[in-house]
Amino acid sequence: MLDLNGKSILITGGTGSLGKALTKTIFEKWPNVKRLVIYSRDEQKQYVMDQEYPHSKFPAIRFFVGDIRDKERLTRALNDIEYVIHAAAMKHVHIAEYNPDECVKTNIGGAMNVIDACLATNVKSVVALSTDKACAPINLYGATKLASDKLFVAANNIKGNNPIKFSVVRYGNVMGSNGSVIPFFIKKKKEGKGIIPITEPSMTRFNIPIQGGVDMVLYALEHAWGGEIFIPKIPSYRILELAEAIAPECEHKVVGIRPGEKIHEEMITSSDSSHTYDLGTYYTILPQRPVWKLDDYITHFNAKKVPDGFSYNSGENNQWETPETLREKIKEHVDPNFSVK
């Protein structure tokens, strides 16, 4: 069982939605954690988060201003760190399309810096966050995250005798995360203009609460053998039903798909099925040349091979949210004061 008491952890992009949720969970579950380093380049977000976690009450926390593009700073921050959660990235599809070189520098170059810095220090386990957009990508953000995923999986092949493990967690839209559709729709409802902009009426997305993302990261830290891409079994929602759940009184205005968007998101393609296994709560895409014995892995996790040709996308899911379940989850995970009235 994972026990982070007495351990040192670093979270890149730690002032983001997932980083803050991880921080909250870590302090709740492991109050005697030795050190928790929040590494990010946004000093204002660090200042705000420092007010929430003052050193007098949370002596284990440290705030490091730094960019994952800066390998020297990153290596210094990783001194005496045992676990790394890599959440830093450029994540907005349309911004990446307009600023492609910046996206490549952060999401690919930064990923390589994280790998190199971890290999050069005494880190034991690294979990990198991915996205459904990395699966069969059609936009630059997804393409850079696919490259990042490949780098973290392949890092297990170059570690030599170093016992470090690199793994990846991939999931869909996080409820209430910065810049996501749920707070956007809530904001439009509150503006009182009676209009909700819809990109494409047939659009679907995967849906996961922020705590679900936290649980996946902690699962990977505990269970990864190195090279896995873990994928959750989560429901989808239809964009029109999300609009109905949040603002049933509002008119829908179709504004068209933005550059790089898909109608339906994917997390496993049929091409991945040859090396994808069902672990029960999660699927895992295994490396095609793992550094451990596949039969031992299958036996240990009671892993079941998925059928050939299996794929997993938000439009053909077997779990679906309804306006009612979405309202309940928004109230529970996003805004406790949410109401359709």
C-alpha atoms as a PDB file:
ATOM      1  CA  MET A   1       0.000   0.000   0.000  1.00  0.00           C
ATOM      2  CA  LEU A   2       1.232   3.476  -0.919  1.00  0.00           C
ATOM      3  CA  ASP A   3       2.515   5.396   2.095  1.00  0.00           C
ATOM      4  CA  LEU A   4       3.863   8.886   1.489  1.00  0.00           C
ATOM      5  CA  ASN A   5       4.508   9.645   5.155  1.00  0.00           C
ATOM      6  CA  GLY A   6       8.201  10.481   5.468  1.00  0.00           C
ATOM      7  CA  LYS A   7       8.533  10.774   1.667  1.00  0.00           C
ATOM      8  CA  SER A   8       9.379  13.730  -0.582  1.00  0.00           C
ATOM      9  CA  ILE A   9       7.197  14.582  -3.585  1.00  0.00           C
ATOM     10  CA  LEU A  10       7.452  17.202  -6.328  1.00  0.00           C
ATOM     11  CA  ILE A  11       4.544  18.279  -8.521  1.00  0.00           C
ATOM     12  CA  THR A  12       5.351  20.183 -11.708  1.00  0.00           C
ATOM     13  CA  GLY A  13       2.572  22.602 -12.565  1.00  0.00           C
ATOM     14  CA  GLY A  14       1.571  22.191  -8.943  1.00  0.00           C
ATOM     15  CA  THR A  15      -0.515  25.388  -8.812  1.00  0.00           C
ATOM     16  CA  GLY A  16      -2.970  24.055 -11.403  1.00  0.00           C
ATOM     17  CA  SER A  17      -6.298  22.362 -10.702  1.00  0.00           C
ATOM     18  CA  LEU A  18      -4.883  18.864 -10.345  1.00  0.00           C
ATOM     19  CA  GLY A  19      -1.823  20.019  -8.419  1.00  0.00           C
ATOM     20  CA  LYS A  20      -3.997  21.739  -5.828  1.00  0.00           C
ATOM     21  CA  ALA A  21      -6.281  18.704  -5.549  1.00  0.00           C
ATOM     22  CA  LEU A  22      -3.255  16.425  -5.135  1.00  0.00           C
ATOM     23  CA  THR A  23      -1.846  18.714  -2.451  1.00  0.00           C
ATOM     24  CA  LYS A  24      -5.106  18.605  -0.526  1.00  0.00           C
ATOM     25  CA  THR A  25      -5.335  14.798  -0.744  1.00  0.00           C
ATOM     26  CA  ILE A  26      -1.678  14.232   0.178  1.00  0.00           C
ATOM     27  CA  PHE A  27      -1.926  16.333   3.340  1.00  0.00           C
ATOM     28  CA  GLU A  28      -5.199  14.664   4.309  1.00  0.00           C
ATOM     29  CA  LYS A  29      -3.987  11.083   3.772  1.00  0.00           C
ATOM     30  CA  TRP A  30      -0.336  11.477   4.741  1.00  0.00           C
ATOM     31  CA  PRO A  31      -0.005  14.322   7.274  1.00  0.00           C
ATOM     32  CA  ASN A  32       3.591  13.324   7.986  1.00  0.00           C
ATOM     33  CA  VAL A  33       4.835  13.712   4.430  1.00  0.00           C
ATOM     34  CA  LYS A  34       8.452  14.843   4.583  1.00  0.00           C
ATOM     35  CA  ARG A  35       8.367  17.428   1.801  1.00  0.00           C
ATOM     36  CA  LEU A  36       5.917  18.484  -0.895  1.00  0.00           C
ATOM     37  CA  VAL A  37       7.427  20.753  -3.534  1.00  0.00           C
ATOM     38  CA  ILE A  38       5.080  22.831  -5.691  1.00  0.00           C
ATOM     39  CA  TYR A  39       7.054  23.627  -8.837  1.00  0.00           C
ATOM     40  CA  SER A  40       5.560  26.096 -11.330  1.00  0.00           C
ATOM     41  CA  ARG A  41       6.430  29.252 -13.238  1.00  0.00           C
ATOM     42  CA  ASP A  42       3.443  31.355 -12.103  1.00  0.00           C
ATOM     43  CA  GLU A  43       4.520  33.305  -9.026  1.00  0.00           C
ATOM     44  CA  GLN A  44       1.046  34.821  -8.536  1.00  0.00           C
ATOM     45  CA  LYS A  45      -0.595  31.402  -8.334  1.00  0.00           C
ATOM     46  CA  GLN A  46       2.136  30.322  -5.933  1.00  0.00           C
ATOM     47  CA  TYR A  47       1.474  33.389  -3.780  1.00  0.00           C
ATOM     48  CA  VAL A  48      -2.251  32.587  -3.655  1.00  0.00           C
ATOM     49  CA  MET A  49      -1.648  28.907  -2.889  1.00  0.00           C
ATOM     50  CA  ASP A  50       0.826  29.862  -0.159  1.00  0.00           C
ATOM     51  CA  GLN A  51      -1.989  31.713   1.621  1.00  0.00           C
ATOM     52  CA  GLU A  52      -4.010  28.502   1.632  1.00  0.00           C
ATOM     53  CA  TYR A  53      -1.070  26.376   2.816  1.00  0.00           C
ATOM     54  CA  PRO A  54       0.975  28.602   5.143  1.00  0.00           C
ATOM     55  CA  HIS A  55       4.293  27.150   6.226  1.00  0.00           C
ATOM     56  CA  SER A  56       3.317  27.535   9.896  1.00  0.00           C
ATOM     57  CA  LYS A  57       0.540  24.941   9.431  1.00  0.00           C
ATOM     58  CA  PHE A  58       2.081  22.934   6.590  1.00  0.00           C
ATOM     59  CA  PRO A  59       5.835  22.869   7.305  1.00  0.00           C
ATOM     60  CA  ALA A  60       6.415  20.200   4.623  1.00  0.00           C
ATOM     61  CA  ILE A  61       5.339  22.406   1.727  1.00  0.00           C
ATOM     62  CA  ARG A  62       7.825  24.260  -0.465  1.00  0.00           C
ATOM     63  CA  PHE A  63       7.111  26.627  -3.358  1.00  0.00           C
ATOM     64  CA  PHE A  64       9.695  26.630  -6.149  1.00  0.00           C
ATOM     65  CA  VAL A  65       9.311  29.136  -8.968  1.00  0.00           C
ATOM     66  CA  GLY A  66      10.706  27.395 -12.024  1.00  0.00           C
ATOM     67  CA  ASP A  67       9.965  26.361 -15.593  1.00  0.00           C
ATOM     68  CA  ILE A  68      10.231  22.789 -16.852  1.00  0.00           C
ATOM     69  CA  ARG A  69      12.113  24.271 -19.809  1.00  0.00           C
ATOM     70  CA  ASP A  70      14.946  25.047 -17.366  1.00  0.00           C
ATOM     71  CA  LYS A  71      16.658  21.701 -16.740  1.00  0.00           C
ATOM     72  CA  GLU A  72      19.229  23.123 -14.327  1.00  0.00           C
ATOM     73  CA  ARG A  73      16.554  24.631 -12.070  1.00  0.00           C
ATOM     74  CA  LEU A  74      14.465  21.477 -12.318  1.00  0.00           C
ATOM     75  CA  THR A  75      17.410  19.270 -11.364  1.00  0.00           C
ATOM     76  CA  ARG A  76      18.118  21.418  -8.322  1.00  0.00           C
ATOM     77  CA  ALA A  77      14.459  21.260  -7.267  1.00  0.00           C
ATOM     78  CA  LEU A  78      14.582  17.452  -7.491  1.00  0.00           C
ATOM     79  CA  ASN A  79      17.325  17.141  -4.898  1.00  0.00           C
ATOM     80  CA  ASP A  80      16.243  14.505  -2.337  1.00  0.00           C
ATOM     81  CA  ILE A  81      12.864  13.982  -4.106  1.00  0.00           C
ATOM     82  CA  GLU A  82      11.509  10.421  -4.336  1.00  0.00           C
ATOM     83  CA  TYR A  83       8.239  10.848  -6.276  1.00  0.00           C
ATOM     84  CA  VAL A  84       7.472  13.172  -9.175  1.00  0.00           C
ATOM     85  CA  ILE A  85       4.048  14.006 -10.598  1.00  0.00           C
ATOM     86  CA  HIS A  86       4.433  15.810 -13.915  1.00  0.00           C
ATOM     87  CA  ALA A  87       1.366  17.993 -14.495  1.00  0.00           C
ATOM     88  CA  ALA A  88       2.951  21.067 -16.128  1.00  0.00           C
ATOM     89  CA  ALA A  89       1.942  21.646 -19.755  1.00  0.00           C
ATOM     90  CA  MET A  90       0.444  24.046 -22.237  1.00  0.00           C
ATOM     91  CA  LYS A  91      -3.101  22.682 -22.421  1.00  0.00           C
ATOM     92  CA  HIS A  92      -5.381  24.984 -24.440  1.00  0.00           C
ATOM     93  CA  VAL A  93      -5.916  23.611 -27.942  1.00  0.00           C
ATOM     94  CA  HIS A  94      -6.483  26.927 -29.727  1.00  0.00           C
ATOM     95  CA  ILE A  95      -3.573  28.658 -27.961  1.00  0.00           C
ATOM     96  CA  ALA A  96      -1.251  25.811 -28.957  1.00  0.00           C
ATOM     97  CA  GLU A  97      -2.431  26.081 -32.563  1.00  0.00           C
ATOM     98  CA  TYR A  98      -1.536  29.784 -32.598  1.00  0.00           C
ATOM     99  CA  ASN A  99       1.738  29.382 -30.653  1.00  0.00           C
ATOM    100  CA  PRO A 100       3.067  26.013 -31.851  1.00  0.00           C
ATOM    101  CA  ASP A 101       6.735  26.580 -31.028  1.00  0.00           C
ATOM    102  CA  GLU A 102       5.915  27.465 -27.407  1.00  0.00           C
ATOM    103  CA  CYS A 103       3.770  24.355 -27.055  1.00  0.00           C
ATOM    104  CA  VAL A 104       6.544  22.134 -28.418  1.00  0.00           C
ATOM    105  CA  LYS A 105       9.141  23.683 -26.100  1.00  0.00           C
ATOM    106  CA  THR A 106       7.009  23.100 -23.015  1.00  0.00           C
ATOM    107  CA  ASN A 107       5.226  19.827 -23.721  1.00  0.00           C
ATOM    108  CA  ILE A 108       8.038  17.958 -25.483  1.00  0.00           C
ATOM    109  CA  GLY A 109      11.230  19.727 -24.456  1.00  0.00           C
ATOM    110  CA  GLY A 110       9.938  20.127 -20.914  1.00  0.00           C
ATOM    111  CA  ALA A 111       9.026  16.435 -20.739  1.00  0.00           C
ATOM    112  CA  MET A 112      12.545  15.458 -21.784  1.00  0.00           C
ATOM    113  CA  ASN A 113      13.954  17.793 -19.132  1.00  0.00           C
ATOM    114  CA  VAL A 114      11.821  16.127 -16.469  1.00  0.00           C
ATOM    115  CA  ILE A 115      13.056  12.702 -17.576  1.00  0.00           C
ATOM    116  CA  ASP A 116      16.720  13.745 -17.679  1.00  0.00           C
ATOM    117  CA  ALA A 117      16.540  15.518 -14.314  1.00  0.00           C
ATOM    118  CA  CYS A 118      14.836  12.528 -12.670  1.00  0.00           C
ATOM    119  CA  LEU A 119      17.428  10.123 -14.076  1.00  0.00           C
ATOM    120  CA  ALA A 120      20.192  12.379 -12.736  1.00  0.00           C
ATOM    121  CA  THR A 121      18.805  12.425  -9.193  1.00  0.00           C
ATOM    122  CA  ASN A 122      17.391   9.828  -6.783  1.00  0.00           C
ATOM    123  CA  VAL A 123      13.772   9.858  -7.904  1.00  0.00           C
ATOM    124  CA  LYS A 124      12.043   6.474  -7.535  1.00  0.00           C
ATOM    125  CA  SER A 125       8.830   6.920  -9.502  1.00  0.00           C
ATOM    126  CA  VAL A 126       7.474   9.410 -12.044  1.00  0.00           C
ATOM    127  CA  VAL A 127       3.857   9.729 -13.157  1.00  0.00           C
ATOM    128  CA  ALA A 128       3.184  12.005 -16.136  1.00  0.00           C
ATOM    129  CA  LEU A 129      -0.264  13.385 -16.891  1.00  0.00           C
ATOM    130  CA  SER A 130      -1.607  12.913 -20.391  1.00  0.00           C
ATOM    131  CA  THR A 131      -4.900  13.682 -22.137  1.00  0.00           C
ATOM    132  CA  ASP A 132      -7.431  11.999 -24.383  1.00  0.00           C
ATOM    133  CA  LYS A 133      -6.273  14.446 -27.070  1.00  0.00           C
ATOM    134  CA  ALA A 134      -2.975  12.519 -27.241  1.00  0.00           C
ATOM    135  CA  CYS A 135      -4.857   9.560 -28.730  1.00  0.00           C
ATOM    136  CA  ALA A 136      -4.932   9.781 -32.561  1.00  0.00           C
ATOM    137  CA  PRO A 137      -4.233  13.529 -32.294  1.00  0.00           C
ATOM    138  CA  ILE A 138      -5.507  16.060 -34.820  1.00  0.00           C
ATOM    139  CA  ASN A 139      -4.244  19.151 -33.001  1.00  0.00           C
ATOM    140  CA  LEU A 140      -0.782  20.263 -31.948  1.00  0.00           C
ATOM    141  CA  TYR A 141      -1.527  20.016 -28.233  1.00  0.00           C
ATOM    142  CA  GLY A 142      -2.511  16.373 -28.641  1.00  0.00           C
ATOM    143  CA  ALA A 143       0.482  15.670 -30.851  1.00  0.00           C
ATOM    144  CA  THR A 144       2.891  17.137 -28.298  1.00  0.00           C
ATOM    145  CA  LYS A 145       1.288  15.144 -25.491  1.00  0.00           C
ATOM    146  CA  LEU A 146       1.526  11.961 -27.574  1.00  0.00           C
ATOM    147  CA  ALA A 147       5.237  12.695 -28.035  1.00  0.00           C
ATOM    148  CA  SER A 148       5.505  13.311 -24.283  1.00  0.00           C
ATOM    149  CA  ASP A 149       3.777   9.991 -23.551  1.00  0.00           C
ATOM    150  CA  LYS A 150       6.207   8.199 -25.862  1.00  0.00           C
ATOM    151  CA  LEU A 151       9.166   9.841 -24.136  1.00  0.00           C
ATOM    152  CA  PHE A 152       8.018   8.791 -20.659  1.00  0.00           C
ATOM    153  CA  VAL A 153       7.270   5.219 -21.767  1.00  0.00           C
ATOM    154  CA  ALA A 154      10.635   4.929 -23.539  1.00  0.00           C
ATOM    155  CA  ALA A 155      12.497   6.422 -20.553  1.00  0.00           C
ATOM    156  CA  ASN A 156      12.209   3.014 -18.897  1.00  0.00           C
ATOM    157  CA  ASN A 157      14.493   1.634 -21.632  1.00  0.00           C
ATOM    158  CA  ILE A 158      17.369   4.038 -20.950  1.00  0.00           C
ATOM    159  CA  LYS A 159      17.501   3.956 -17.149  1.00  0.00           C
ATOM    160  CA  GLY A 160      20.096   1.144 -16.971  1.00  0.00           C
ATOM    161  CA  ASN A 161      20.345  -0.181 -13.418  1.00  0.00           C
ATOM    162  CA  ASN A 162      18.477   2.804 -12.006  1.00  0.00           C
ATOM    163  CA  PRO A 163      15.331   1.418 -10.248  1.00  0.00           C
ATOM    164  CA  ILE A 164      13.239   4.439 -11.284  1.00  0.00           C
ATOM    165  CA  LYS A 165       9.840   3.820 -12.951  1.00  0.00           C
ATOM    166  CA  PHE A 166       8.119   6.091 -15.466  1.00  0.00           C
ATOM    167  CA  SER A 167       4.393   5.769 -16.197  1.00  0.00           C
ATOM    168  CA  VAL A 168       1.559   7.849 -17.671  1.00  0.00           C
ATOM    169  CA  VAL A 169      -2.083   8.494 -16.755  1.00  0.00           C
ATOM    170  CA  ARG A 170      -4.458   9.541 -19.549  1.00  0.00           C
ATOM    171  CA  TYR A 171      -7.977  10.812 -18.983  1.00  0.00           C
ATOM    172  CA  GLY A 172     -10.625  13.125 -20.438  1.00  0.00           C
ATOM    173  CA  ASN A 173     -12.239  16.405 -19.422  1.00  0.00           C
ATOM    174  CA  VAL A 174     -11.805  17.176 -15.724  1.00  0.00           C
ATOM    175  CA  MET A 175     -14.922  18.652 -14.168  1.00  0.00           C
ATOM    176  CA  GLY A 176     -14.410  22.281 -13.218  1.00  0.00           C
ATOM    177  CA  SER A 177     -10.748  22.535 -14.254  1.00  0.00           C
ATOM    178  CA  ASN A 178      -9.450  25.933 -15.356  1.00  0.00           C
ATOM    179  CA  GLY A 179     -10.723  26.861 -18.804  1.00  0.00           C
ATOM    180  CA  SER A 180     -13.021  23.820 -19.153  1.00  0.00           C
ATOM    181  CA  VAL A 181     -16.575  23.787 -20.459  1.00  0.00           C
ATOM    182  CA  ILE A 182     -18.537  23.419 -17.199  1.00  0.00           C
ATOM    183  CA  PRO A 183     -17.356  26.663 -15.545  1.00  0.00           C
ATOM    184  CA  PHE A 184     -17.662  28.326 -18.970  1.00  0.00           C
ATOM    185  CA  PHE A 185     -21.332  27.338 -19.266  1.00  0.00           C
ATOM    186  CA  ILE A 186     -21.999  28.370 -15.661  1.00  0.00           C
ATOM    187  CA  LYS A 187     -20.413  31.757 -16.395  1.00  0.00           C
ATOM    188  CA  LYS A 188     -22.566  32.206 -19.517  1.00  0.00           C
ATOM    189  CA  LYS A 189     -25.679  31.337 -17.526  1.00  0.00           C
ATOM    190  CA  LYS A 190     -24.808  33.917 -14.855  1.00  0.00           C
ATOM    191  CA  GLU A 191     -24.302  36.619 -17.473  1.00  0.00           C
ATOM    192  CA  GLY A 192     -28.071  36.481 -17.957  1.00  0.00           C
ATOM    193  CA  LYS A 193     -28.081  36.840 -21.751  1.00  0.00           C
ATOM    194  CA  GLY A 194     -30.029  33.608 -22.185  1.00  0.00           C
ATOM    195  CA  ILE A 195     -27.583  32.077 -24.682  1.00  0.00           C
ATOM    196  CA  ILE A 196     -25.223  29.085 -24.359  1.00  0.00           C
ATOM    197  CA  PRO A 197     -22.718  28.784 -27.244  1.00  0.00           C
ATOM    198  CA  ILE A 198     -22.494  25.242 -28.623  1.00  0.00           C
ATOM    199  CA  THR A 199     -19.558  24.326 -30.847  1.00  0.00           C
ATOM    200  CA  GLU A 200     -21.210  21.254 -32.433  1.00  0.00           C
ATOM    201  CA  PRO A 201     -24.554  19.722 -31.320  1.00  0.00           C
ATOM    202  CA  SER A 202     -23.368  16.104 -31.708  1.00  0.00           C
ATOM    203  CA  MET A 203     -20.167  16.620 -29.685  1.00  0.00           C
ATOM    204  CA  THR A 204     -19.372  14.258 -26.782  1.00  0.00           C
ATOM    205  CA  ARG A 205     -16.680  14.263 -24.133  1.00  0.00           C
ATOM    206  CA  PHE A 206     -15.403  11.983 -21.380  1.00  0.00           C
ATOM    207  CA  ASN A 207     -16.088  13.214 -17.858  1.00  0.00           C
ATOM    208  CA  ILE A 208     -14.004  12.715 -14.710  1.00  0.00           C
ATOM    209  CA  PRO A 209     -14.114  14.549 -11.365  1.00  0.00           C
ATOM    210  CA  ILE A 210     -10.852  16.064 -10.215  1.00  0.00           C
ATOM    211  CA  GLN A 211     -10.630  13.485  -7.413  1.00  0.00           C
ATOM    212  CA  GLY A 212     -10.794  10.754 -10.044  1.00  0.00           C
ATOM    213  CA  GLY A 213      -7.653  12.214 -11.622  1.00  0.00           C
ATOM    214  CA  VAL A 214      -5.970  12.355  -8.208  1.00  0.00           C
ATOM    215  CA  ASP A 215      -6.874   8.727  -7.502  1.00  0.00           C
ATOM    216  CA  MET A 216      -5.411   7.651 -10.852  1.00  0.00           C
ATOM    217  CA  VAL A 217      -2.113   9.379 -10.149  1.00  0.00           C
ATOM    218  CA  LEU A 218      -1.847   7.758  -6.722  1.00  0.00           C
ATOM    219  CA  TYR A 219      -2.779   4.368  -8.235  1.00  0.00           C
ATOM    220  CA  ALA A 220       0.034   4.728 -10.776  1.00  0.00           C
ATOM    221  CA  LEU A 221       2.520   5.753  -8.081  1.00  0.00           C
ATOM    222  CA  GLU A 222       1.660   2.608  -6.147  1.00  0.00           C
ATOM    223  CA  HIS A 223       1.181   0.029  -8.891  1.00  0.00           C
ATOM    224  CA  ALA A 224       3.170   1.009 -12.000  1.00  0.00           C
ATOM    225  CA  TRP A 225       5.887  -1.383 -13.149  1.00  0.00           C
ATOM    226  CA  GLY A 226       7.157   1.144 -15.681  1.00  0.00           C
ATOM    227  CA  GLY A 227       5.925   2.069 -19.166  1.00  0.00           C
ATOM    228  CA  GLU A 228       2.167   1.793 -18.658  1.00  0.00           C
ATOM    229  CA  ILE A 229      -0.394   4.308 -19.865  1.00  0.00           C
ATOM    230  CA  PHE A 230      -3.306   4.041 -17.416  1.00  0.00           C
ATOM    231  CA  ILE A 231      -6.795   4.961 -18.638  1.00  0.00           C
ATOM    232  CA  PRO A 232      -9.935   5.200 -16.465  1.00  0.00           C
ATOM    233  CA  LYS A 233     -13.339   3.714 -17.197  1.00  0.00           C
ATOM    234  CA  ILE A 234     -15.455   6.845 -17.033  1.00  0.00           C
ATOM    235  CA  PRO A 235     -18.765   8.083 -18.470  1.00  0.00           C
ATOM    236  CA  SER A 236     -19.306  10.404 -21.413  1.00  0.00           C
ATOM    237  CA  TYR A 237     -21.693  13.294 -21.795  1.00  0.00           C
ATOM    238  CA  ARG A 238     -23.329  14.910 -24.800  1.00  0.00           C
ATOM    239  CA  ILE A 239     -22.647  18.628 -25.019  1.00  0.00           C
ATOM    240  CA  LEU A 240     -26.350  19.421 -25.462  1.00  0.00           C
ATOM    241  CA  GLU A 241     -27.205  17.469 -22.301  1.00  0.00           C
ATOM    242  CA  LEU A 242     -24.506  19.342 -20.394  1.00  0.00           C
ATOM    243  CA  ALA A 243     -26.079  22.615 -21.527  1.00  0.00           C
ATOM    244  CA  GLU A 244     -29.482  21.269 -20.451  1.00  0.00           C
ATOM    245  CA  ALA A 245     -28.072  20.298 -17.053  1.00  0.00           C
ATOM    246  CA  ILE A 246     -26.603  23.749 -16.400  1.00  0.00           C
ATOM    247  CA  ALA A 247     -28.947  26.157 -18.150  1.00  0.00           C
ATOM    248  CA  PRO A 248     -32.203  24.537 -19.329  1.00  0.00           C
ATOM    249  CA  GLU A 249     -33.751  27.976 -19.825  1.00  0.00           C
ATOM    250  CA  CYS A 250     -31.070  29.180 -22.254  1.00  0.00           C
ATOM    251  CA  GLU A 251     -31.120  29.166 -26.038  1.00  0.00           C
ATOM    252  CA  HIS A 252     -28.361  27.247 -27.836  1.00  0.00           C
ATOM    253  CA  LYS A 253     -26.287  29.127 -30.390  1.00  0.00           C
ATOM    254  CA  VAL A 254     -24.124  26.923 -32.632  1.00  0.00           C
ATOM    255  CA  VAL A 255     -20.778  28.666 -33.093  1.00  0.00           C
ATOM    256  CA  GLY A 256     -18.787  25.923 -34.848  1.00  0.00           C
ATOM    257  CA  ILE A 257     -15.813  23.774 -33.898  1.00  0.00           C
ATOM    258  CA  ARG A 258     -12.597  25.597 -33.025  1.00  0.00           C
ATOM    259  CA  PRO A 259      -9.354  24.681 -34.822  1.00  0.00           C
ATOM    260  CA  GLY A 260      -8.055  21.304 -33.683  1.00  0.00           C
ATOM    261  CA  GLU A 261     -11.245  20.086 -31.957  1.00  0.00           C
ATOM    262  CA  LYS A 262     -12.784  16.644 -32.441  1.00  0.00           C
ATOM    263  CA  ILE A 263     -16.471  15.704 -32.376  1.00  0.00           C
ATOM    264  CA  HIS A 264     -15.675  12.717 -30.133  1.00  0.00           C
ATOM    265  CA  GLU A 265     -12.554  12.186 -28.035  1.00  0.00           C
ATOM    266  CA  GLU A 266     -10.600   8.928 -27.957  1.00  0.00           C
ATOM    267  CA  MET A 267      -8.462   7.322 -25.272  1.00  0.00           C
ATOM    268  CA  ILE A 268      -7.654   3.942 -26.862  1.00  0.00           C
ATOM    269  CA  THR A 269      -7.528   3.321 -30.613  1.00  0.00           C
ATOM    270  CA  SER A 270      -8.056  -0.054 -32.272  1.00  0.00           C
ATOM    271  CA  SER A 271      -4.340  -0.011 -33.116  1.00  0.00           C
ATOM    272  CA  ASP A 272      -3.598   0.037 -29.372  1.00  0.00           C
ATOM    273  CA  SER A 273      -5.741  -3.044 -28.717  1.00  0.00           C
ATOM    274  CA  SER A 274      -2.921  -5.502 -29.360  1.00  0.00           C
ATOM    275  CA  HIS A 275      -1.187  -4.405 -26.159  1.00  0.00           C
ATOM    276  CA  THR A 276      -4.093  -3.072 -24.042  1.00  0.00           C
ATOM    277  CA  TYR A 277      -5.284  -4.857 -20.905  1.00  0.00           C
ATOM    278  CA  ASP A 278      -8.267  -4.514 -18.588  1.00  0.00           C
ATOM    279  CA  LEU A 279      -7.239  -4.137 -14.934  1.00  0.00           C
ATOM    280  CA  GLY A 280     -10.786  -3.777 -13.594  1.00  0.00           C
ATOM    281  CA  THR A 281     -11.028  -0.113 -12.615  1.00  0.00           C
ATOM    282  CA  TYR A 282      -8.629   0.968 -15.351  1.00  0.00           C
ATOM    283  CA  TYR A 283      -7.368  -0.036 -18.771  1.00  0.00           C
ATOM    284  CA  THR A 284      -3.645   0.017 -19.380  1.00  0.00           C
ATOM    285  CA  ILE A 285      -1.766   0.321 -22.651  1.00  0.00           C
ATOM    286  CA  LEU A 286       1.442  -1.618 -22.064  1.00  0.00           C
ATOM    287  CA  PRO A 287       4.754  -0.908 -23.786  1.00  0.00           C
ATOM    288  CA  GLN A 288       5.282  -3.158 -26.786  1.00  0.00           C
ATOM    289  CA  ARG A 289       8.708  -4.070 -25.397  1.00  0.00           C
ATOM    290  CA  PRO A 290       8.366  -3.907 -21.605  1.00  0.00           C
ATOM    291  CA  VAL A 291      11.418  -4.083 -19.356  1.00  0.00           C
ATOM    292  CA  TRP A 292       9.647  -6.757 -17.277  1.00  0.00           C
ATOM    293  CA  LYS A 293       8.004 -10.103 -18.108  1.00  0.00           C
ATOM    294  CA  LEU A 294       4.513  -9.716 -19.540  1.00  0.00           C
ATOM    295  CA  ASP A 295       3.282 -13.031 -18.102  1.00  0.00           C
ATOM    296  CA  ASP A 296       4.312 -11.941 -14.604  1.00  0.00           C
ATOM    297  CA  TYR A 297       2.439  -8.664 -15.045  1.00  0.00           C
ATOM    298  CA  ILE A 298      -0.725 -10.399 -16.251  1.00  0.00           C
ATOM    299  CA  THR A 299      -0.629 -12.816 -13.330  1.00  0.00           C
ATOM    300  CA  HIS A 300       0.078 -10.123 -10.728  1.00  0.00           C
ATOM    301  CA  PHE A 301      -2.819  -7.853 -11.801  1.00  0.00           C
ATOM    302  CA  ASN A 302      -5.130 -10.566 -13.137  1.00  0.00           C
ATOM    303  CA  ALA A 303      -5.045  -8.467 -16.309  1.00  0.00           C
ATOM    304  CA  LYS A 304      -7.398  -9.363 -19.154  1.00  0.00           C
ATOM    305  CA  LYS A 305      -6.407  -8.743 -22.743  1.00  0.00           C
ATOM    306  CA  VAL A 306      -8.995  -6.600 -24.566  1.00  0.00           C
ATOM    307  CA  PRO A 307     -10.411  -8.002 -27.822  1.00  0.00           C
ATOM    308  CA  ASP A 308      -8.514  -7.288 -31.024  1.00  0.00           C
ATOM    309  CA  GLY A 309      -9.890  -4.134 -32.608  1.00  0.00           C
ATOM    310  CA  PHE A 310     -11.136  -2.766 -29.293  1.00  0.00           C
ATOM    311  CA  SER A 311     -11.336   1.024 -29.085  1.00  0.00           C
ATOM    312  CA  TYR A 312     -12.530   3.453 -26.438  1.00  0.00           C
ATOM    313  CA  ASN A 313     -14.020   6.788 -27.437  1.00  0.00           C
ATOM    314  CA  SER A 314     -16.525   9.214 -25.950  1.00  0.00           C
ATOM    315  CA  GLY A 315     -19.100   8.729 -28.723  1.00  0.00           C
ATOM    316  CA  GLU A 316     -19.338   4.935 -28.389  1.00  0.00           C
ATOM    317  CA  ASN A 317     -19.065   4.634 -24.630  1.00  0.00           C
ATOM    318  CA  ASN A 318     -21.246   2.249 -22.601  1.00  0.00           C
ATOM    319  CA  GLN A 319     -21.510   4.721 -19.694  1.00  0.00           C
ATOM    320  CA  TRP A 320     -23.410   7.995 -20.103  1.00  0.00           C
ATOM    321  CA  GLU A 321     -24.149  10.964 -17.928  1.00  0.00           C
ATOM    322  CA  THR A 322     -27.672  12.407 -17.900  1.00  0.00           C
ATOM    323  CA  PRO A 323     -28.645  16.004 -17.114  1.00  0.00           C
ATOM    324  CA  GLU A 324     -29.647  14.782 -13.644  1.00  0.00           C
ATOM    325  CA  THR A 325     -26.338  13.011 -12.904  1.00  0.00           C
ATOM    326  CA  LEU A 326     -24.415  15.959 -14.290  1.00  0.00           C
ATOM    327  CA  ARG A 327     -26.234  18.364 -11.974  1.00  0.00           C
ATOM    328  CA  GLU A 328     -25.454  16.150  -8.988  1.00  0.00           C
ATOM    329  CA  LYS A 329     -21.765  15.930  -9.913  1.00  0.00           C
ATOM    330  CA  ILE A 330     -21.449  19.668 -10.617  1.00  0.00           C
ATOM    331  CA  LYS A 331     -22.870  20.388  -7.180  1.00  0.00           C
ATOM    332  CA  GLU A 332     -20.571  17.811  -5.554  1.00  0.00           C
ATOM    333  CA  HIS A 333     -17.339  18.434  -7.443  1.00  0.00           C
ATOM    334  CA  VAL A 334     -17.498  21.942  -8.930  1.00  0.00           C
ATOM    335  CA  ASP A 335     -19.854  24.336  -7.149  1.00  0.00           C
ATOM    336  CA  PRO A 336     -21.730  23.362  -3.949  1.00  0.00           C
ATOM    337  CA  ASN A 337     -24.064  26.341  -4.526  1.00  0.00           C
ATOM    338  CA  PHE A 338     -24.977  25.278  -8.067  1.00  0.00           C
ATOM    339  CA  SER A 339     -28.665  25.306  -8.903  1.00  0.00           C
ATOM    340  CA  VAL A 340     -30.653  25.390 -12.144  1.00  0.00           C
ATOM    341  CA  LYS A 341     -33.192  27.765 -10.558  1.00  0.00           C
END
